[in-house]
Amino acid sequence: MRMNHSPAARRALLAALAPLAIACAAPRVAPPPSATPNLTSTMVMSPNGRAAPLDLRHESSVGQRTVAASLVAVWAVLPAVFAQLEVEPTRVDSSEAVIGNPNFRARRIEDRRMSDWLDCGRAFGREYADHYTVSIGLLVQLVPAAEGGTIVRTVLDAYARDPSTSGNAVHCITWGSLERRIGELVAERVAP
């Protein structure tokens, strides 16, 4: 049996069925985030003499700590924190509340070996962080915390280069200890 509906009846039927069609439609799924952001592949020689692929990550580390002090109070102690770490701040931007050194050459920080702060790889029992030339990008930004206080956000990126060769630099991975230490030093200095 064929039913003839007027245009008004069809519109009403479509309007009634629209929510059902939307509910039955397949959900939109966002593509998964890349499992390997900032990844570069290179070939290295394995101990048995064969070439093997090696994936290198090129990511900065971000650490943060909230301290119970105003942004102005925290900003005031940051030069002393950098002085204790023996890192000369070459970038100081009070309008953005950013201080740091984007290209600091380090042998030791706070009288500790670089391998205490970074993993730059190793060979034959030698830590590259202690024997290579290490360049660190270290920036601290202050952000007002929503619940009060100030967020001390530390961004660290480091590379090590063998001074005896003209080869590429090795990207270092932070242990997270330098980012934590900066937060600790700030908290100590602003404590009442």
N, C-alpha and C. Protein backbone atom coordinates (compact mmCIF):
# COMPACT_ATOMS: atom_id res chain seq x y z
N MET A 1 0.84 -1.17 0.00
CA MET A 1 0.00 0.00 0.00
C MET A 1 0.88 1.22 0.00
N ARG A 2 0.64 2.08 -0.93
CA ARG A 2 1.43 3.30 -1.06
C ARG A 2 0.73 4.43 -0.37
N MET A 3 1.56 5.21 0.45
CA MET A 3 0.96 6.34 1.15
C MET A 3 1.46 7.61 0.51
N ASN A 4 0.57 8.52 0.26
CA ASN A 4 0.93 9.84 -0.25
C ASN A 4 0.89 10.83 0.90
N HIS A 5 2.02 11.48 1.13
CA HIS A 5 2.08 12.49 2.19
C HIS A 5 2.25 13.85 1.55
N SER A 6 1.64 14.81 2.16
CA SER A 6 1.80 16.18 1.69
C SER A 6 3.21 16.66 2.07
N PRO A 7 3.70 17.72 1.45
CA PRO A 7 5.03 18.25 1.80
C PRO A 7 5.11 18.60 3.28
N ALA A 8 4.07 19.11 3.85
CA ALA A 8 4.09 19.47 5.28
C ALA A 8 4.20 18.21 6.14
N ALA A 9 3.53 17.12 5.75
CA ALA A 9 3.60 15.87 6.51
C ALA A 9 4.99 15.26 6.40
N ARG A 10 5.62 15.36 5.20
CA ARG A 10 6.98 14.85 5.05
C ARG A 10 7.97 15.61 5.92
N ARG A 11 7.84 16.93 5.95
CA ARG A 11 8.75 17.74 6.79
C ARG A 11 8.58 17.37 8.26
N ALA A 12 7.37 17.16 8.69
CA ALA A 12 7.13 16.79 10.09
C ALA A 12 7.72 15.42 10.39
N LEU A 13 7.58 14.48 9.43
CA LEU A 13 8.14 13.14 9.63
C LEU A 13 9.67 13.20 9.68
N LEU A 14 10.30 13.98 8.79
CA LEU A 14 11.76 14.13 8.80
C LEU A 14 12.23 14.78 10.10
N ALA A 15 11.49 15.77 10.56
CA ALA A 15 11.87 16.43 11.81
C ALA A 15 11.79 15.46 12.98
N ALA A 16 10.80 14.56 12.95
CA ALA A 16 10.67 13.58 14.03
C ALA A 16 11.75 12.52 13.97
N LEU A 17 12.19 12.15 12.76
CA LEU A 17 13.20 11.12 12.59
C LEU A 17 14.64 11.65 12.71
N ALA A 18 14.86 12.95 12.59
CA ALA A 18 16.21 13.51 12.61
C ALA A 18 16.98 13.16 13.88
N PRO A 19 16.40 13.32 15.08
CA PRO A 19 17.16 12.94 16.28
C PRO A 19 17.56 11.47 16.29
N LEU A 20 16.67 10.60 15.78
CA LEU A 20 16.98 9.17 15.72
C LEU A 20 18.14 8.90 14.76
N ALA A 21 18.14 9.59 13.62
CA ALA A 21 19.22 9.41 12.64
C ALA A 21 20.55 9.89 13.22
N ILE A 22 20.53 10.99 13.94
CA ILE A 22 21.76 11.51 14.55
C ILE A 22 22.26 10.53 15.61
N ALA A 23 21.35 10.00 16.42
CA ALA A 23 21.75 9.07 17.48
C ALA A 23 22.33 7.79 16.91
N CYS A 24 21.85 7.36 15.74
CA CYS A 24 22.33 6.11 15.16
C CYS A 24 23.57 6.28 14.31
N ALA A 25 23.93 7.53 14.00
CA ALA A 25 25.09 7.76 13.14
C ALA A 25 26.35 7.32 13.87
N ALA A 26 27.34 6.94 13.10
CA ALA A 26 28.62 6.51 13.69
C ALA A 26 29.29 7.71 14.36
N PRO A 27 29.83 7.52 15.54
CA PRO A 27 30.47 8.64 16.21
C PRO A 27 31.73 9.05 15.47
N ARG A 28 32.02 10.33 15.54
CA ARG A 28 33.25 10.82 14.95
C ARG A 28 34.39 10.55 15.91
N VAL A 29 35.39 9.94 15.43
CA VAL A 29 36.54 9.60 16.26
C VAL A 29 37.70 10.46 15.81
N ALA A 30 38.27 11.19 16.76
CA ALA A 30 39.43 12.01 16.44
C ALA A 30 40.60 11.09 16.16
N PRO A 31 41.44 11.47 15.21
CA PRO A 31 42.59 10.62 14.95
C PRO A 31 43.48 10.56 16.19
N PRO A 32 44.07 9.41 16.45
CA PRO A 32 44.91 9.31 17.64
C PRO A 32 46.13 10.20 17.50
N PRO A 33 46.62 10.73 18.64
CA PRO A 33 47.83 11.53 18.55
C PRO A 33 48.98 10.66 18.06
N SER A 34 49.91 11.32 17.42
CA SER A 34 51.05 10.58 16.89
C SER A 34 51.79 9.91 18.02
N ALA A 35 52.12 8.67 17.86
CA ALA A 35 52.84 7.93 18.89
C ALA A 35 54.31 8.30 18.91
N THR A 36 54.78 8.95 17.86
CA THR A 36 56.19 9.29 17.79
C THR A 36 56.38 10.75 17.38
N PRO A 37 56.04 11.70 18.26
CA PRO A 37 56.21 13.10 17.89
C PRO A 37 57.70 13.45 17.83
N ASN A 38 58.05 14.33 16.91
CA ASN A 38 59.42 14.83 16.79
C ASN A 38 60.43 13.69 16.78
N LEU A 39 60.19 12.74 15.92
CA LEU A 39 61.05 11.55 15.88
C LEU A 39 61.84 11.57 14.58
N THR A 40 63.12 11.30 14.69
CA THR A 40 63.99 11.19 13.53
C THR A 40 64.63 9.82 13.56
N SER A 41 64.70 9.18 12.43
CA SER A 41 65.37 7.87 12.35
C SER A 41 66.72 8.05 11.69
N THR A 42 67.69 7.32 12.17
CA THR A 42 69.02 7.32 11.58
C THR A 42 69.54 5.90 11.64
N MET A 43 70.60 5.62 10.92
CA MET A 43 71.20 4.29 10.92
C MET A 43 72.49 4.33 11.72
N VAL A 44 72.69 3.33 12.56
CA VAL A 44 73.93 3.22 13.34
C VAL A 44 74.48 1.81 13.14
N MET A 45 75.76 1.68 13.41
CA MET A 45 76.39 0.37 13.31
C MET A 45 76.25 -0.36 14.64
N SER A 46 75.73 -1.57 14.60
CA SER A 46 75.59 -2.37 15.81
C SER A 46 76.93 -3.05 16.11
N PRO A 47 77.11 -3.62 17.31
CA PRO A 47 78.37 -4.27 17.64
C PRO A 47 78.76 -5.40 16.68
N ASN A 48 77.78 -6.04 16.04
CA ASN A 48 78.11 -7.13 15.12
C ASN A 48 78.43 -6.63 13.71
N GLY A 49 78.49 -5.30 13.53
CA GLY A 49 78.89 -4.74 12.24
C GLY A 49 77.75 -4.51 11.28
N ARG A 50 76.51 -4.72 11.68
CA ARG A 50 75.37 -4.48 10.81
C ARG A 50 74.76 -3.12 11.09
N ALA A 51 74.21 -2.53 10.05
CA ALA A 51 73.51 -1.26 10.22
C ALA A 51 72.15 -1.52 10.85
N ALA A 52 71.80 -0.71 11.83
CA ALA A 52 70.52 -0.87 12.52
C ALA A 52 69.86 0.49 12.65
N PRO A 53 68.52 0.54 12.52
CA PRO A 53 67.84 1.83 12.67
C PRO A 53 67.82 2.26 14.15
N LEU A 54 67.92 3.57 14.35
CA LEU A 54 67.85 4.15 15.70
C LEU A 54 66.92 5.34 15.63
N ASP A 55 65.89 5.36 16.48
CA ASP A 55 64.97 6.48 16.53
C ASP A 55 65.44 7.48 17.57
N LEU A 56 65.51 8.74 17.17
CA LEU A 56 65.95 9.81 18.06
C LEU A 56 64.79 10.74 18.32
N ARG A 57 64.51 11.03 19.57
CA ARG A 57 63.46 11.97 19.93
C ARG A 57 64.07 13.36 20.10
N HIS A 58 63.33 14.35 19.65
CA HIS A 58 63.77 15.74 19.77
C HIS A 58 62.65 16.52 20.47
N GLU A 59 62.56 16.35 21.77
CA GLU A 59 61.49 17.00 22.52
C GLU A 59 62.09 17.74 23.70
N SER A 60 61.53 18.88 24.00
CA SER A 60 61.91 19.60 25.20
C SER A 60 61.18 19.00 26.39
N SER A 61 61.78 19.14 27.56
CA SER A 61 61.12 18.71 28.78
C SER A 61 60.49 19.94 29.44
N VAL A 62 59.30 19.75 29.97
CA VAL A 62 58.63 20.83 30.68
C VAL A 62 58.29 20.33 32.07
N GLY A 63 58.78 21.04 33.07
CA GLY A 63 58.45 20.73 34.46
C GLY A 63 57.81 21.94 35.09
N GLN A 64 56.92 21.72 36.02
CA GLN A 64 56.32 22.88 36.67
C GLN A 64 56.00 22.59 38.12
N ARG A 65 56.00 23.67 38.88
CA ARG A 65 55.68 23.59 40.29
C ARG A 65 54.92 24.86 40.67
N THR A 66 53.89 24.71 41.47
CA THR A 66 53.14 25.87 41.96
C THR A 66 53.68 26.25 43.32
N VAL A 67 54.01 27.53 43.48
CA VAL A 67 54.49 28.04 44.77
C VAL A 67 53.49 29.05 45.31
N ALA A 68 53.39 29.11 46.62
CA ALA A 68 52.42 29.99 47.28
C ALA A 68 53.03 31.37 47.46
N ALA A 69 53.18 32.08 46.34
CA ALA A 69 53.71 33.44 46.36
C ALA A 69 53.23 34.14 45.11
N SER A 70 53.24 35.45 45.16
CA SER A 70 52.79 36.23 44.00
C SER A 70 53.82 36.13 42.87
N LEU A 71 53.37 36.41 41.68
CA LEU A 71 54.25 36.38 40.53
C LEU A 71 55.39 37.38 40.72
N VAL A 72 55.10 38.55 41.27
CA VAL A 72 56.12 39.57 41.50
C VAL A 72 57.18 39.07 42.47
N ALA A 73 56.76 38.40 43.53
CA ALA A 73 57.70 37.87 44.52
C ALA A 73 58.57 36.77 43.92
N VAL A 74 57.99 35.92 43.11
CA VAL A 74 58.75 34.84 42.48
C VAL A 74 59.72 35.42 41.46
N TRP A 75 59.27 36.38 40.66
CA TRP A 75 60.14 37.02 39.67
C TRP A 75 61.37 37.63 40.35
N ALA A 76 61.19 38.18 41.52
CA ALA A 76 62.28 38.84 42.23
C ALA A 76 63.38 37.88 42.66
N VAL A 77 63.05 36.59 42.91
CA VAL A 77 64.06 35.64 43.38
C VAL A 77 64.73 34.85 42.24
N LEU A 78 64.18 34.92 41.05
CA LEU A 78 64.74 34.12 39.95
C LEU A 78 66.20 34.44 39.61
N PRO A 79 66.64 35.71 39.63
CA PRO A 79 68.06 35.95 39.37
C PRO A 79 68.98 35.23 40.37
N ALA A 80 68.59 35.17 41.64
CA ALA A 80 69.39 34.45 42.65
C ALA A 80 69.38 32.95 42.39
N VAL A 81 68.26 32.41 41.90
CA VAL A 81 68.19 30.98 41.57
C VAL A 81 69.15 30.67 40.43
N PHE A 82 69.15 31.50 39.40
CA PHE A 82 70.06 31.28 38.28
C PHE A 82 71.51 31.46 38.71
N ALA A 83 71.78 32.40 39.60
CA ALA A 83 73.14 32.60 40.10
C ALA A 83 73.62 31.36 40.88
N GLN A 84 72.75 30.76 41.68
CA GLN A 84 73.13 29.56 42.43
C GLN A 84 73.42 28.40 41.48
N LEU A 85 72.68 28.31 40.40
CA LEU A 85 72.90 27.26 39.41
C LEU A 85 74.08 27.57 38.49
N GLU A 86 74.60 28.78 38.58
CA GLU A 86 75.70 29.26 37.74
C GLU A 86 75.32 29.25 36.26
N VAL A 87 74.08 29.67 36.00
CA VAL A 87 73.58 29.82 34.64
C VAL A 87 73.30 31.31 34.44
N GLU A 88 74.03 31.91 33.50
CA GLU A 88 73.83 33.33 33.22
C GLU A 88 72.57 33.51 32.38
N PRO A 89 71.57 34.25 32.89
CA PRO A 89 70.36 34.46 32.09
C PRO A 89 70.63 35.50 31.00
N THR A 90 70.55 35.07 29.75
CA THR A 90 70.75 35.98 28.63
C THR A 90 69.43 36.46 28.05
N ARG A 91 68.33 35.86 28.48
CA ARG A 91 67.00 36.32 28.07
C ARG A 91 66.21 36.66 29.32
N VAL A 92 65.85 37.92 29.44
CA VAL A 92 65.04 38.38 30.56
C VAL A 92 63.91 39.23 29.97
N ASP A 93 62.70 38.73 30.06
CA ASP A 93 61.53 39.41 29.50
C ASP A 93 60.48 39.54 30.59
N SER A 94 60.47 40.69 31.25
CA SER A 94 59.54 40.88 32.37
C SER A 94 58.09 40.96 31.90
N SER A 95 57.85 41.41 30.65
CA SER A 95 56.47 41.50 30.17
C SER A 95 55.85 40.12 29.98
N GLU A 96 56.67 39.10 29.62
CA GLU A 96 56.21 37.73 29.46
C GLU A 96 56.54 36.86 30.67
N ALA A 97 57.24 37.44 31.65
CA ALA A 97 57.71 36.72 32.84
C ALA A 97 58.52 35.49 32.45
N VAL A 98 59.50 35.70 31.55
CA VAL A 98 60.38 34.64 31.08
C VAL A 98 61.82 35.03 31.34
N ILE A 99 62.58 34.11 31.91
CA ILE A 99 64.00 34.33 32.16
C ILE A 99 64.74 33.03 31.84
N GLY A 100 65.96 33.16 31.32
CA GLY A 100 66.73 31.95 31.06
C GLY A 100 67.85 32.19 30.08
N ASN A 101 68.37 31.09 29.58
CA ASN A 101 69.46 31.12 28.62
C ASN A 101 69.17 30.05 27.57
N PRO A 102 68.87 30.46 26.33
CA PRO A 102 68.53 29.47 25.31
C PRO A 102 69.71 28.70 24.74
N ASN A 103 70.95 29.09 25.10
CA ASN A 103 72.12 28.37 24.58
C ASN A 103 73.26 28.45 25.59
N PHE A 104 73.07 27.78 26.70
CA PHE A 104 74.05 27.78 27.79
C PHE A 104 75.00 26.59 27.61
N ARG A 105 76.29 26.85 27.61
CA ARG A 105 77.29 25.77 27.54
C ARG A 105 77.67 25.40 28.96
N ALA A 106 77.49 24.15 29.30
CA ALA A 106 77.66 23.73 30.69
C ALA A 106 78.64 22.58 30.81
N ARG A 107 79.45 22.60 31.86
CA ARG A 107 80.28 21.46 32.26
C ARG A 107 79.75 20.88 33.57
N ARG A 108 79.27 21.76 34.43
CA ARG A 108 78.68 21.37 35.72
C ARG A 108 77.58 22.38 36.04
N ILE A 109 76.60 21.91 36.79
CA ILE A 109 75.55 22.80 37.31
C ILE A 109 75.44 22.52 38.79
N GLU A 110 75.55 23.60 39.56
CA GLU A 110 75.51 23.51 41.02
C GLU A 110 76.53 22.47 41.51
N ASP A 111 77.70 22.51 40.89
CA ASP A 111 78.83 21.64 41.21
C ASP A 111 78.51 20.15 41.07
N ARG A 112 77.56 19.82 40.22
CA ARG A 112 77.24 18.42 39.94
C ARG A 112 77.52 18.13 38.48
N ARG A 113 77.95 16.89 38.20
CA ARG A 113 78.22 16.47 36.83
C ARG A 113 76.97 16.60 35.98
N MET A 114 77.16 16.80 34.69
CA MET A 114 76.02 16.94 33.78
C MET A 114 75.21 15.64 33.70
N SER A 115 75.86 14.49 33.90
CA SER A 115 75.12 13.23 33.84
C SER A 115 74.16 13.08 35.02
N ASP A 116 74.31 13.91 36.06
CA ASP A 116 73.32 13.91 37.15
C ASP A 116 72.02 14.57 36.70
N TRP A 117 72.10 15.42 35.68
CA TRP A 117 70.94 16.16 35.21
C TRP A 117 70.39 15.59 33.89
N LEU A 118 71.30 15.04 33.05
CA LEU A 118 70.92 14.67 31.68
C LEU A 118 71.42 13.28 31.31
N ASP A 119 70.70 12.63 30.42
CA ASP A 119 71.15 11.40 29.80
C ASP A 119 71.39 11.70 28.32
N CYS A 120 72.66 11.76 27.94
CA CYS A 120 73.03 12.05 26.55
C CYS A 120 73.58 10.81 25.86
N GLY A 121 73.45 9.67 26.51
CA GLY A 121 73.97 8.43 25.96
C GLY A 121 75.31 8.10 26.59
N ARG A 122 75.85 6.95 26.22
CA ARG A 122 77.12 6.50 26.80
C ARG A 122 77.75 5.47 25.88
N ALA A 123 79.05 5.31 26.02
CA ALA A 123 79.78 4.27 25.30
C ALA A 123 81.02 3.94 26.09
N PHE A 124 81.33 2.65 26.21
CA PHE A 124 82.52 2.17 26.90
C PHE A 124 82.64 2.75 28.31
N GLY A 125 81.51 2.86 29.00
CA GLY A 125 81.50 3.35 30.37
C GLY A 125 81.63 4.86 30.51
N ARG A 126 81.64 5.58 29.40
CA ARG A 126 81.74 7.05 29.43
C ARG A 126 80.38 7.66 29.20
N GLU A 127 79.98 8.54 30.10
CA GLU A 127 78.73 9.29 29.94
C GLU A 127 79.01 10.47 29.01
N TYR A 128 78.30 10.53 27.89
CA TYR A 128 78.52 11.64 26.96
C TYR A 128 78.26 12.99 27.62
N ALA A 129 77.30 13.05 28.53
CA ALA A 129 76.99 14.32 29.20
C ALA A 129 78.19 14.87 29.95
N ASP A 130 79.08 13.99 30.44
CA ASP A 130 80.25 14.43 31.19
C ASP A 130 81.46 14.68 30.31
N HIS A 131 81.50 14.12 29.10
CA HIS A 131 82.69 14.21 28.26
C HIS A 131 82.48 15.01 26.98
N TYR A 132 81.24 15.24 26.60
CA TYR A 132 80.96 16.03 25.40
C TYR A 132 80.69 17.48 25.81
N THR A 133 80.64 18.35 24.81
CA THR A 133 80.24 19.74 25.04
C THR A 133 78.72 19.78 25.06
N VAL A 134 78.15 20.20 26.18
CA VAL A 134 76.69 20.19 26.35
C VAL A 134 76.15 21.61 26.21
N SER A 135 75.17 21.77 25.34
CA SER A 135 74.46 23.04 25.17
C SER A 135 73.04 22.85 25.68
N ILE A 136 72.64 23.74 26.58
CA ILE A 136 71.32 23.63 27.21
C ILE A 136 70.51 24.88 26.89
N GLY A 137 69.27 24.66 26.48
CA GLY A 137 68.29 25.73 26.41
C GLY A 137 67.46 25.63 27.67
N LEU A 138 67.54 26.63 28.54
CA LEU A 138 66.85 26.59 29.83
C LEU A 138 66.07 27.89 30.00
N LEU A 139 64.75 27.78 30.01
CA LEU A 139 63.89 28.95 30.19
C LEU A 139 62.88 28.67 31.29
N VAL A 140 62.64 29.68 32.11
CA VAL A 140 61.64 29.60 33.17
C VAL A 140 60.60 30.67 32.90
N GLN A 141 59.34 30.25 32.90
CA GLN A 141 58.23 31.18 32.71
C GLN A 141 57.33 31.11 33.93
N LEU A 142 56.86 32.26 34.37
CA LEU A 142 55.95 32.34 35.50
C LEU A 142 54.54 32.59 34.99
N VAL A 143 53.58 31.86 35.57
CA VAL A 143 52.18 31.98 35.17
C VAL A 143 51.35 32.04 36.46
N PRO A 144 50.42 32.99 36.58
CA PRO A 144 49.56 33.00 37.76
C PRO A 144 48.73 31.71 37.82
N ALA A 145 48.69 31.09 38.99
CA ALA A 145 47.91 29.86 39.18
C ALA A 145 46.45 30.22 39.45
N ALA A 146 45.53 29.43 38.91
CA ALA A 146 44.10 29.70 39.07
C ALA A 146 43.68 29.65 40.53
N GLU A 147 44.29 28.74 41.29
CA GLU A 147 43.93 28.59 42.71
C GLU A 147 44.73 29.51 43.62
N GLY A 148 45.53 30.39 43.04
CA GLY A 148 46.38 31.30 43.82
C GLY A 148 47.82 30.85 43.75
N GLY A 149 48.72 31.77 43.94
CA GLY A 149 50.13 31.46 43.83
C GLY A 149 50.62 31.61 42.40
N THR A 150 51.78 31.03 42.14
CA THR A 150 52.42 31.17 40.83
C THR A 150 52.94 29.83 40.36
N ILE A 151 52.71 29.54 39.09
CA ILE A 151 53.27 28.33 38.48
C ILE A 151 54.65 28.68 37.93
N VAL A 152 55.65 27.92 38.36
CA VAL A 152 57.01 28.07 37.84
C VAL A 152 57.18 26.97 36.80
N ARG A 153 57.19 27.36 35.53
CA ARG A 153 57.27 26.40 34.43
C ARG A 153 58.67 26.45 33.84
N THR A 154 59.36 25.32 33.87
CA THR A 154 60.74 25.22 33.37
C THR A 154 60.75 24.39 32.10
N VAL A 155 61.33 24.96 31.04
CA VAL A 155 61.48 24.26 29.76
C VAL A 155 62.97 24.03 29.55
N LEU A 156 63.34 22.79 29.31
CA LEU A 156 64.75 22.43 29.17
C LEU A 156 64.93 21.59 27.91
N ASP A 157 65.93 21.93 27.12
CA ASP A 157 66.29 21.16 25.94
C ASP A 157 67.81 21.15 25.88
N ALA A 158 68.41 20.01 25.62
CA ALA A 158 69.87 19.91 25.66
C ALA A 158 70.40 19.02 24.55
N TYR A 159 71.60 19.35 24.10
CA TYR A 159 72.32 18.59 23.09
C TYR A 159 73.77 18.45 23.53
N ALA A 160 74.39 17.35 23.17
CA ALA A 160 75.80 17.12 23.47
C ALA A 160 76.53 16.83 22.17
N ARG A 161 77.71 17.42 22.03
CA ARG A 161 78.51 17.24 20.81
C ARG A 161 79.92 16.80 21.20
N ASP A 162 80.42 15.80 20.53
CA ASP A 162 81.78 15.33 20.75
C ASP A 162 82.73 16.40 20.22
N PRO A 163 83.55 17.01 21.10
CA PRO A 163 84.42 18.09 20.63
C PRO A 163 85.56 17.60 19.73
N SER A 164 85.81 16.30 19.68
CA SER A 164 86.91 15.79 18.87
C SER A 164 86.49 15.42 17.45
N THR A 165 85.19 15.54 17.15
CA THR A 165 84.72 15.20 15.80
C THR A 165 83.82 16.32 15.29
N SER A 166 83.50 16.25 14.01
CA SER A 166 82.57 17.22 13.43
C SER A 166 81.19 16.60 13.23
N GLY A 167 80.91 15.54 13.96
CA GLY A 167 79.63 14.84 13.81
C GLY A 167 78.46 15.62 14.38
N ASN A 168 77.29 15.06 14.19
CA ASN A 168 76.06 15.69 14.68
C ASN A 168 75.99 15.65 16.19
N ALA A 169 75.26 16.60 16.75
CA ALA A 169 75.03 16.61 18.19
C ALA A 169 74.03 15.53 18.56
N VAL A 170 74.11 15.06 19.78
CA VAL A 170 73.21 14.05 20.32
C VAL A 170 72.17 14.77 21.18
N HIS A 171 70.91 14.46 20.97
CA HIS A 171 69.86 15.06 21.80
C HIS A 171 69.86 14.37 23.15
N CYS A 172 69.85 15.16 24.21
CA CYS A 172 69.88 14.62 25.57
C CYS A 172 68.47 14.55 26.14
N ILE A 173 68.28 13.61 27.02
CA ILE A 173 67.01 13.46 27.73
C ILE A 173 67.24 13.88 29.17
N THR A 174 66.35 14.69 29.68
CA THR A 174 66.51 15.15 31.05
C THR A 174 66.01 14.10 32.04
N TRP A 175 66.65 14.03 33.19
CA TRP A 175 66.18 13.16 34.27
C TRP A 175 65.03 13.84 35.03
N GLY A 176 64.80 15.12 34.78
CA GLY A 176 63.76 15.88 35.49
C GLY A 176 64.27 16.52 36.77
N SER A 177 65.50 16.22 37.14
CA SER A 177 66.03 16.71 38.41
C SER A 177 66.35 18.21 38.37
N LEU A 178 66.78 18.74 37.23
CA LEU A 178 67.07 20.18 37.16
C LEU A 178 65.77 20.99 37.21
N GLU A 179 64.74 20.50 36.53
CA GLU A 179 63.45 21.19 36.59
C GLU A 179 62.91 21.20 38.02
N ARG A 180 63.03 20.06 38.72
CA ARG A 180 62.59 20.00 40.12
C ARG A 180 63.43 20.91 41.00
N ARG A 181 64.75 20.93 40.75
CA ARG A 181 65.64 21.75 41.57
C ARG A 181 65.31 23.24 41.44
N ILE A 182 64.98 23.69 40.26
CA ILE A 182 64.60 25.10 40.08
C ILE A 182 63.35 25.39 40.89
N GLY A 183 62.35 24.51 40.83
CA GLY A 183 61.14 24.71 41.64
C GLY A 183 61.45 24.73 43.12
N GLU A 184 62.35 23.84 43.58
CA GLU A 184 62.74 23.80 45.00
C GLU A 184 63.42 25.10 45.43
N LEU A 185 64.36 25.58 44.60
CA LEU A 185 65.08 26.80 44.95
C LEU A 185 64.15 28.01 45.01
N VAL A 186 63.21 28.08 44.09
CA VAL A 186 62.25 29.17 44.12
C VAL A 186 61.40 29.08 45.39
N ALA A 187 60.89 27.89 45.69
CA ALA A 187 60.05 27.71 46.88
C ALA A 187 60.80 28.06 48.15
N GLU A 188 62.10 27.67 48.24
CA GLU A 188 62.91 28.01 49.42
C GLU A 188 63.05 29.51 49.59
N ARG A 189 63.24 30.22 48.49
CA ARG A 189 63.50 31.66 48.57
C ARG A 189 62.26 32.49 48.83
N VAL A 190 61.09 32.01 48.44
CA VAL A 190 59.87 32.78 48.68
C VAL A 190 59.13 32.33 49.92
N ALA A 191 59.65 31.30 50.60
CA ALA A 191 58.99 30.81 51.81
C ALA A 191 59.00 31.90 52.87
N PRO A 192 57.90 32.06 53.61
CA PRO A 192 57.84 33.11 54.65
C PRO A 192 58.80 32.81 55.81
